[in-house]
PDB file of all heavy atoms in Angstrom:
ATOM      1  N   ASN A   1      24.247  68.556 149.848  1.00  0.00           N
ATOM      2  CA  ASN A   1      24.982  67.265 149.701  1.00  0.00           C
ATOM      3  C   ASN A   1      25.467  66.992 148.355  1.00  0.00           C
ATOM      4  O   ASN A   1      25.761  65.842 147.919  1.00  0.00           O
ATOM      5  CB  ASN A   1      24.126  66.096 150.184  1.00  0.00           C
ATOM      6  CG  ASN A   1      22.792  66.027 149.408  1.00  0.00           C
ATOM      7  OD1 ASN A   1      22.503  66.949 148.615  1.00  0.00           O
ATOM      8  ND2 ASN A   1      22.068  64.953 149.592  1.00  0.00           N
ATOM      9  N   LEU A   2      25.684  67.990 147.440  1.00  0.00           N
ATOM     10  CA  LEU A   2      26.222  67.816 146.180  1.00  0.00           C
ATOM     11  C   LEU A   2      27.697  67.519 146.237  1.00  0.00           C
ATOM     12  O   LEU A   2      28.462  68.134 147.072  1.00  0.00           O
ATOM     13  CB  LEU A   2      26.060  69.090 145.287  1.00  0.00           C
ATOM     14  CG  LEU A   2      24.598  69.641 144.994  1.00  0.00           C
ATOM     15  CD1 LEU A   2      24.635  70.860 144.184  1.00  0.00           C
ATOM     16  CD2 LEU A   2      23.791  68.512 144.263  1.00  0.00           C
ATOM     17  N   ASN A   3      28.126  66.551 145.466  1.00  0.00           N
ATOM     18  CA  ASN A   3      29.604  66.236 145.383  1.00  0.00           C
ATOM     19  C   ASN A   3      30.241  67.244 144.402  1.00  0.00           C
ATOM     20  O   ASN A   3      29.558  68.100 143.719  1.00  0.00           O
ATOM     21  CB  ASN A   3      29.877  64.787 145.027  1.00  0.00           C
ATOM     22  CG  ASN A   3      29.282  64.445 143.673  1.00  0.00           C
ATOM     23  OD1 ASN A   3      29.353  65.259 142.669  1.00  0.00           O
ATOM     24  ND2 ASN A   3      28.734  63.253 143.536  1.00  0.00           N
ATOM     25  N   HIS A   4      31.586  67.206 144.251  1.00  0.00           N
ATOM     26  CA  HIS A   4      32.280  68.146 143.411  1.00  0.00           C
ATOM     27  C   HIS A   4      31.778  68.097 142.053  1.00  0.00           C
ATOM     28  O   HIS A   4      31.616  69.170 141.415  1.00  0.00           O
ATOM     29  CB  HIS A   4      33.757  67.832 143.534  1.00  0.00           C
ATOM     30  CG  HIS A   4      34.593  68.777 142.640  1.00  0.00           C
ATOM     31  ND1 HIS A   4      34.823  70.063 143.055  1.00  0.00           N
ATOM     32  CD2 HIS A   4      35.207  68.621 141.469  1.00  0.00           C
ATOM     33  CE1 HIS A   4      35.579  70.655 142.080  1.00  0.00           C
ATOM     34  NE2 HIS A   4      35.850  69.805 141.161  1.00  0.00           N
ATOM     35  N   THR A   5      31.689  66.944 141.431  1.00  0.00           N
ATOM     36  CA  THR A   5      31.213  66.808 140.047  1.00  0.00           C
ATOM     37  C   THR A   5      29.871  67.401 139.859  1.00  0.00           C
ATOM     38  O   THR A   5      29.581  68.121 138.850  1.00  0.00           O
ATOM     39  CB  THR A   5      31.174  65.291 139.566  1.00  0.00           C
ATOM     40  OG1 THR A   5      32.450  64.738 139.764  1.00  0.00           O
ATOM     41  CG2 THR A   5      30.724  65.143 138.164  1.00  0.00           C
ATOM     42  N   GLU A   6      28.937  67.142 140.763  1.00  0.00           N
ATOM     43  CA  GLU A   6      27.568  67.767 140.674  1.00  0.00           C
ATOM     44  C   GLU A   6      27.667  69.253 140.803  1.00  0.00           C
ATOM     45  O   GLU A   6      26.898  69.957 140.118  1.00  0.00           O
ATOM     46  CB  GLU A   6      26.710  67.133 141.821  1.00  0.00           C
ATOM     47  CG  GLU A   6      26.351  65.668 141.540  1.00  0.00           C
ATOM     48  CD  GLU A   6      25.728  64.972 142.734  1.00  0.00           C
ATOM     49  OE1 GLU A   6      25.906  65.490 143.860  1.00  0.00           O
ATOM     50  OE2 GLU A   6      25.039  64.014 142.497  1.00  0.00           O
ATOM     51  N   LYS A   7      28.511  69.790 141.678  1.00  0.00           N
ATOM     52  CA  LYS A   7      28.646  71.199 141.836  1.00  0.00           C
ATOM     53  C   LYS A   7      29.050  71.875 140.477  1.00  0.00           C
ATOM     54  O   LYS A   7      28.593  72.921 140.082  1.00  0.00           O
ATOM     55  CB  LYS A   7      29.600  71.601 142.960  1.00  0.00           C
ATOM     56  CG  LYS A   7      29.022  71.338 144.364  1.00  0.00           C
ATOM     57  CD  LYS A   7      30.078  71.541 145.367  1.00  0.00           C
ATOM     58  CE  LYS A   7      29.652  71.153 146.766  1.00  0.00           C
ATOM     59  NZ  LYS A   7      30.598  71.253 147.813  1.00  0.00           N
ATOM     60  N   MET A   8      30.064  71.245 139.872  1.00  0.00           N
ATOM     61  CA  MET A   8      30.631  71.724 138.625  1.00  0.00           C
ATOM     62  C   MET A   8      29.601  71.728 137.543  1.00  0.00           C
ATOM     63  O   MET A   8      29.445  72.709 136.703  1.00  0.00           O
ATOM     64  CB  MET A   8      31.828  70.964 138.157  1.00  0.00           C
ATOM     65  CG  MET A   8      33.083  71.037 139.110  1.00  0.00           C
ATOM     66  SD  MET A   8      33.653  72.783 139.487  1.00  0.00           S
ATOM     67  CE  MET A   8      32.939  73.005 141.115  1.00  0.00           C
ATOM     68  N   GLU A   9      28.770  70.659 137.436  1.00  0.00           N
ATOM     69  CA  GLU A   9      27.746  70.557 136.492  1.00  0.00           C
ATOM     70  C   GLU A   9      26.607  71.648 136.681  1.00  0.00           C
ATOM     71  O   GLU A   9      26.124  72.228 135.813  1.00  0.00           O
ATOM     72  CB  GLU A   9      27.164  69.175 136.483  1.00  0.00           C
ATOM     73  CG  GLU A   9      25.973  68.953 135.470  1.00  0.00           C
ATOM     74  CD  GLU A   9      26.363  69.033 134.023  1.00  0.00           C
ATOM     75  OE1 GLU A   9      27.604  69.174 133.800  1.00  0.00           O
ATOM     76  OE2 GLU A   9      25.509  69.067 133.147  1.00  0.00           O
ATOM     77  N   LEU A  10      26.243  71.806 137.990  1.00  0.00           N
ATOM     78  CA  LEU A  10      25.275  72.846 138.280  1.00  0.00           C
ATOM     79  C   LEU A  10      25.759  74.250 137.961  1.00  0.00           C
ATOM     80  O   LEU A  10      25.008  74.970 137.379  1.00  0.00           O
ATOM     81  CB  LEU A  10      24.949  72.689 139.822  1.00  0.00           C
ATOM     82  CG  LEU A  10      23.829  73.667 140.321  1.00  0.00           C
ATOM     83  CD1 LEU A  10      22.540  73.481 139.545  1.00  0.00           C
ATOM     84  CD2 LEU A  10      23.649  73.601 141.838  1.00  0.00           C
ATOM     85  N   ILE A  11      26.987  74.535 138.267  1.00  0.00           N
ATOM     86  CA  ILE A  11      27.593  75.818 137.866  1.00  0.00           C
ATOM     87  C   ILE A  11      27.478  76.051 136.295  1.00  0.00           C
ATOM     88  O   ILE A  11      27.108  77.084 135.912  1.00  0.00           O
ATOM     89  CB  ILE A  11      29.099  75.957 138.339  1.00  0.00           C
ATOM     90  CG1 ILE A  11      29.104  76.087 139.865  1.00  0.00           C
ATOM     91  CG2 ILE A  11      29.697  77.201 137.750  1.00  0.00           C
ATOM     92  CD1 ILE A  11      30.441  76.013 140.474  1.00  0.00           C
ATOM     93  N   ARG A  12      27.770  75.020 135.570  1.00  0.00           N
ATOM     94  CA  ARG A  12      27.759  75.143 134.161  1.00  0.00           C
ATOM     95  C   ARG A  12      26.326  75.340 133.649  1.00  0.00           C
ATOM     96  O   ARG A  12      26.139  76.305 132.829  1.00  0.00           O
ATOM     97  CB  ARG A  12      28.300  73.784 133.493  1.00  0.00           C
ATOM     98  CG  ARG A  12      28.414  73.850 131.991  1.00  0.00           C
ATOM     99  CD  ARG A  12      28.727  72.509 131.383  1.00  0.00           C
ATOM    100  NE  ARG A  12      27.497  71.605 131.468  1.00  0.00           N
ATOM    101  CZ  ARG A  12      26.475  71.584 130.725  1.00  0.00           C
ATOM    102  NH1 ARG A  12      26.428  72.449 129.714  1.00  0.00           N
ATOM    103  NH2 ARG A  12      25.515  70.736 130.823  1.00  0.00           N
ATOM    104  N   ILE A  13      25.360  74.732 134.165  1.00  0.00           N
ATOM    105  CA  ILE A  13      24.004  74.895 133.782  1.00  0.00           C
ATOM    106  C   ILE A  13      23.471  76.278 134.190  1.00  0.00           C
ATOM    107  O   ILE A  13      22.852  76.981 133.451  1.00  0.00           O
ATOM    108  CB  ILE A  13      23.075  73.826 134.402  1.00  0.00           C
ATOM    109  CG1 ILE A  13      23.414  72.406 133.712  1.00  0.00           C
ATOM    110  CG2 ILE A  13      21.589  74.102 134.184  1.00  0.00           C
ATOM    111  CD1 ILE A  13      22.748  71.300 134.425  1.00  0.00           C
ATOM    112  N   LEU A  14      23.736  76.690 135.452  1.00  0.00           N
ATOM    113  CA  LEU A  14      23.328  78.054 135.946  1.00  0.00           C
ATOM    114  C   LEU A  14      24.045  79.178 135.205  1.00  0.00           C
ATOM    115  O   LEU A  14      23.356  80.101 134.892  1.00  0.00           O
ATOM    116  CB  LEU A  14      23.595  78.196 137.415  1.00  0.00           C
ATOM    117  CG  LEU A  14      22.751  77.198 138.359  1.00  0.00           C
ATOM    118  CD1 LEU A  14      23.156  77.388 139.848  1.00  0.00           C
ATOM    119  CD2 LEU A  14      21.223  77.501 138.183  1.00  0.00           C
ATOM    120  N   ASN A  15      25.323  78.982 134.877  1.00  0.00           N
ATOM    121  CA  ASN A  15      25.942  79.954 133.980  1.00  0.00           C
ATOM    122  C   ASN A  15      25.307  80.133 132.630  1.00  0.00           C
ATOM    123  O   ASN A  15      25.123  81.230 132.093  1.00  0.00           O
ATOM    124  CB  ASN A  15      27.394  79.579 133.842  1.00  0.00           C
ATOM    125  CG  ASN A  15      28.308  80.100 134.933  1.00  0.00           C
ATOM    126  OD1 ASN A  15      28.029  81.072 135.586  1.00  0.00           O
ATOM    127  ND2 ASN A  15      29.378  79.449 135.172  1.00  0.00           N
ATOM    128  N   LYS A  16      24.830  78.982 132.091  1.00  0.00           N
ATOM    129  CA  LYS A  16      24.170  79.092 130.796  1.00  0.00           C
ATOM    130  C   LYS A  16      22.868  79.817 130.934  1.00  0.00           C
ATOM    131  O   LYS A  16      22.560  80.657 130.046  1.00  0.00           O
ATOM    132  CB  LYS A  16      23.904  77.668 130.251  1.00  0.00           C
ATOM    133  CG  LYS A  16      23.209  77.542 128.942  1.00  0.00           C
ATOM    134  CD  LYS A  16      23.064  76.166 128.424  1.00  0.00           C
ATOM    135  CE  LYS A  16      22.458  76.102 127.079  1.00  0.00           C
ATOM    136  NZ  LYS A  16      22.263  74.783 126.489  1.00  0.00           N
ATOM    137  N   LEU A  17      22.062  79.579 131.998  1.00  0.00           N
ATOM    138  CA  LEU A  17      20.849  80.319 132.165  1.00  0.00           C
ATOM    139  C   LEU A  17      21.129  81.767 132.459  1.00  0.00           C
ATOM    140  O   LEU A  17      20.456  82.666 131.986  1.00  0.00           O
ATOM    141  CB  LEU A  17      20.120  79.715 133.402  1.00  0.00           C
ATOM    142  CG  LEU A  17      19.163  78.493 133.142  1.00  0.00           C
ATOM    143  CD1 LEU A  17      18.619  78.027 134.412  1.00  0.00           C
ATOM    144  CD2 LEU A  17      18.078  78.921 132.169  1.00  0.00           C
ATOM    145  N   ASP A  18      22.213  82.008 133.215  1.00  0.00           N
ATOM    146  CA  ASP A  18      22.549  83.427 133.572  1.00  0.00           C
ATOM    147  C   ASP A  18      22.894  84.210 132.224  1.00  0.00           C
ATOM    148  O   ASP A  18      22.483  85.404 132.075  1.00  0.00           O
ATOM    149  CB  ASP A  18      23.697  83.495 134.561  1.00  0.00           C
ATOM    150  CG  ASP A  18      23.984  84.969 134.982  1.00  0.00           C
ATOM    151  OD1 ASP A  18      23.141  85.562 135.623  1.00  0.00           O
ATOM    152  OD2 ASP A  18      25.065  85.504 134.704  1.00  0.00           O
ATOM    153  N   ARG A  19      23.686  83.540 131.406  1.00  0.00           N
ATOM    154  CA  ARG A  19      24.087  84.187 130.098  1.00  0.00           C
ATOM    155  C   ARG A  19      22.832  84.468 129.227  1.00  0.00           C
ATOM    156  O   ARG A  19      22.815  85.382 128.424  1.00  0.00           O
ATOM    157  CB  ARG A  19      24.991  83.288 129.378  1.00  0.00           C
ATOM    158  CG  ARG A  19      26.409  83.244 129.924  1.00  0.00           C
ATOM    159  CD  ARG A  19      27.388  82.630 128.947  1.00  0.00           C
ATOM    160  NE  ARG A  19      27.100  81.314 128.565  1.00  0.00           N
ATOM    161  CZ  ARG A  19      27.596  80.189 129.201  1.00  0.00           C
ATOM    162  NH1 ARG A  19      28.257  80.310 130.274  1.00  0.00           N
ATOM    163  NH2 ARG A  19      27.154  78.949 128.759  1.00  0.00           N
ATOM    164  N   PHE A  20      21.705  83.644 129.400  1.00  0.00           N
ATOM    165  CA  PHE A  20      20.527  83.910 128.608  1.00  0.00           C
ATOM    166  C   PHE A  20      19.799  85.089 129.199  1.00  0.00           C
ATOM    167  O   PHE A  20      19.339  85.956 128.509  1.00  0.00           O
ATOM    168  CB  PHE A  20      19.712  82.657 128.663  1.00  0.00           C
ATOM    169  CG  PHE A  20      18.269  82.894 128.100  1.00  0.00           C
ATOM    170  CD1 PHE A  20      18.158  82.796 126.660  1.00  0.00           C
ATOM    171  CD2 PHE A  20      17.225  83.146 128.779  1.00  0.00           C
ATOM    172  CE1 PHE A  20      16.896  82.896 126.108  1.00  0.00           C
ATOM    173  CE2 PHE A  20      15.932  83.375 128.356  1.00  0.00           C
ATOM    174  CZ  PHE A  20      15.761  83.303 126.887  1.00  0.00           C
ATOM    175  N   HIS A  21      19.601  85.134 130.521  1.00  0.00           N
ATOM    176  CA  HIS A  21      18.742  86.069 131.150  1.00  0.00           C
ATOM    177  C   HIS A  21      19.390  87.478 131.427  1.00  0.00           C
ATOM    178  O   HIS A  21      18.707  88.474 131.367  1.00  0.00           O
ATOM    179  CB  HIS A  21      18.217  85.588 132.547  1.00  0.00           C
ATOM    180  CG  HIS A  21      17.275  84.405 132.382  1.00  0.00           C
ATOM    181  ND1 HIS A  21      16.025  84.582 131.771  1.00  0.00           N
ATOM    182  CD2 HIS A  21      17.408  83.147 132.723  1.00  0.00           C
ATOM    183  CE1 HIS A  21      15.349  83.392 131.789  1.00  0.00           C
ATOM    184  NE2 HIS A  21      16.237  82.505 132.235  1.00  0.00           N
ATOM    185  N   HIS A  22      20.686  87.469 131.646  1.00  0.00           N
ATOM    186  CA  HIS A  22      21.280  88.803 132.005  1.00  0.00           C
ATOM    187  C   HIS A  22      21.141  89.921 130.934  1.00  0.00           C
ATOM    188  O   HIS A  22      20.782  91.095 131.202  1.00  0.00           O
ATOM    189  CB  HIS A  22      22.759  88.592 132.389  1.00  0.00           C
ATOM    190  CG  HIS A  22      23.304  89.864 132.986  1.00  0.00           C
ATOM    191  ND1 HIS A  22      24.012  90.776 132.203  1.00  0.00           N
ATOM    192  CD2 HIS A  22      23.391  90.288 134.265  1.00  0.00           C
ATOM    193  CE1 HIS A  22      24.436  91.767 133.003  1.00  0.00           C
ATOM    194  NE2 HIS A  22      24.118  91.444 134.186  1.00  0.00           N
ATOM    195  N   PRO A  23      21.404  89.534 129.615  1.00  0.00           N
ATOM    196  CA  PRO A  23      21.219  90.586 128.579  1.00  0.00           C
ATOM    197  C   PRO A  23      19.787  91.102 128.549  1.00  0.00           C
ATOM    198  O   PRO A  23      19.545  92.299 128.263  1.00  0.00           O
ATOM    199  CB  PRO A  23      21.655  89.925 127.298  1.00  0.00           C
ATOM    200  CG  PRO A  23      22.506  88.767 127.727  1.00  0.00           C
ATOM    201  CD  PRO A  23      21.929  88.306 129.058  1.00  0.00           C
ATOM    202  N   ILE A  24      18.785  90.228 128.785  1.00  0.00           N
ATOM    203  CA  ILE A  24      17.388  90.602 128.729  1.00  0.00           C
ATOM    204  C   ILE A  24      17.143  91.600 129.862  1.00  0.00           C
ATOM    205  O   ILE A  24      16.491  92.666 129.744  1.00  0.00           O
ATOM    206  CB  ILE A  24      16.514  89.316 128.830  1.00  0.00           C
ATOM    207  CG1 ILE A  24      16.726  88.487 127.585  1.00  0.00           C
ATOM    208  CG2 ILE A  24      14.983  89.815 128.914  1.00  0.00           C
ATOM    209  CD1 ILE A  24      16.062  87.143 127.670  1.00  0.00           C
TER     210      ILE A  24
END
């Protein structure tokens, strides 16, 4: 039930986590 704004914010946060973990 996330709205568009919440989806965009979640993508931003998850991308940040992915950029941290992927090189490791």
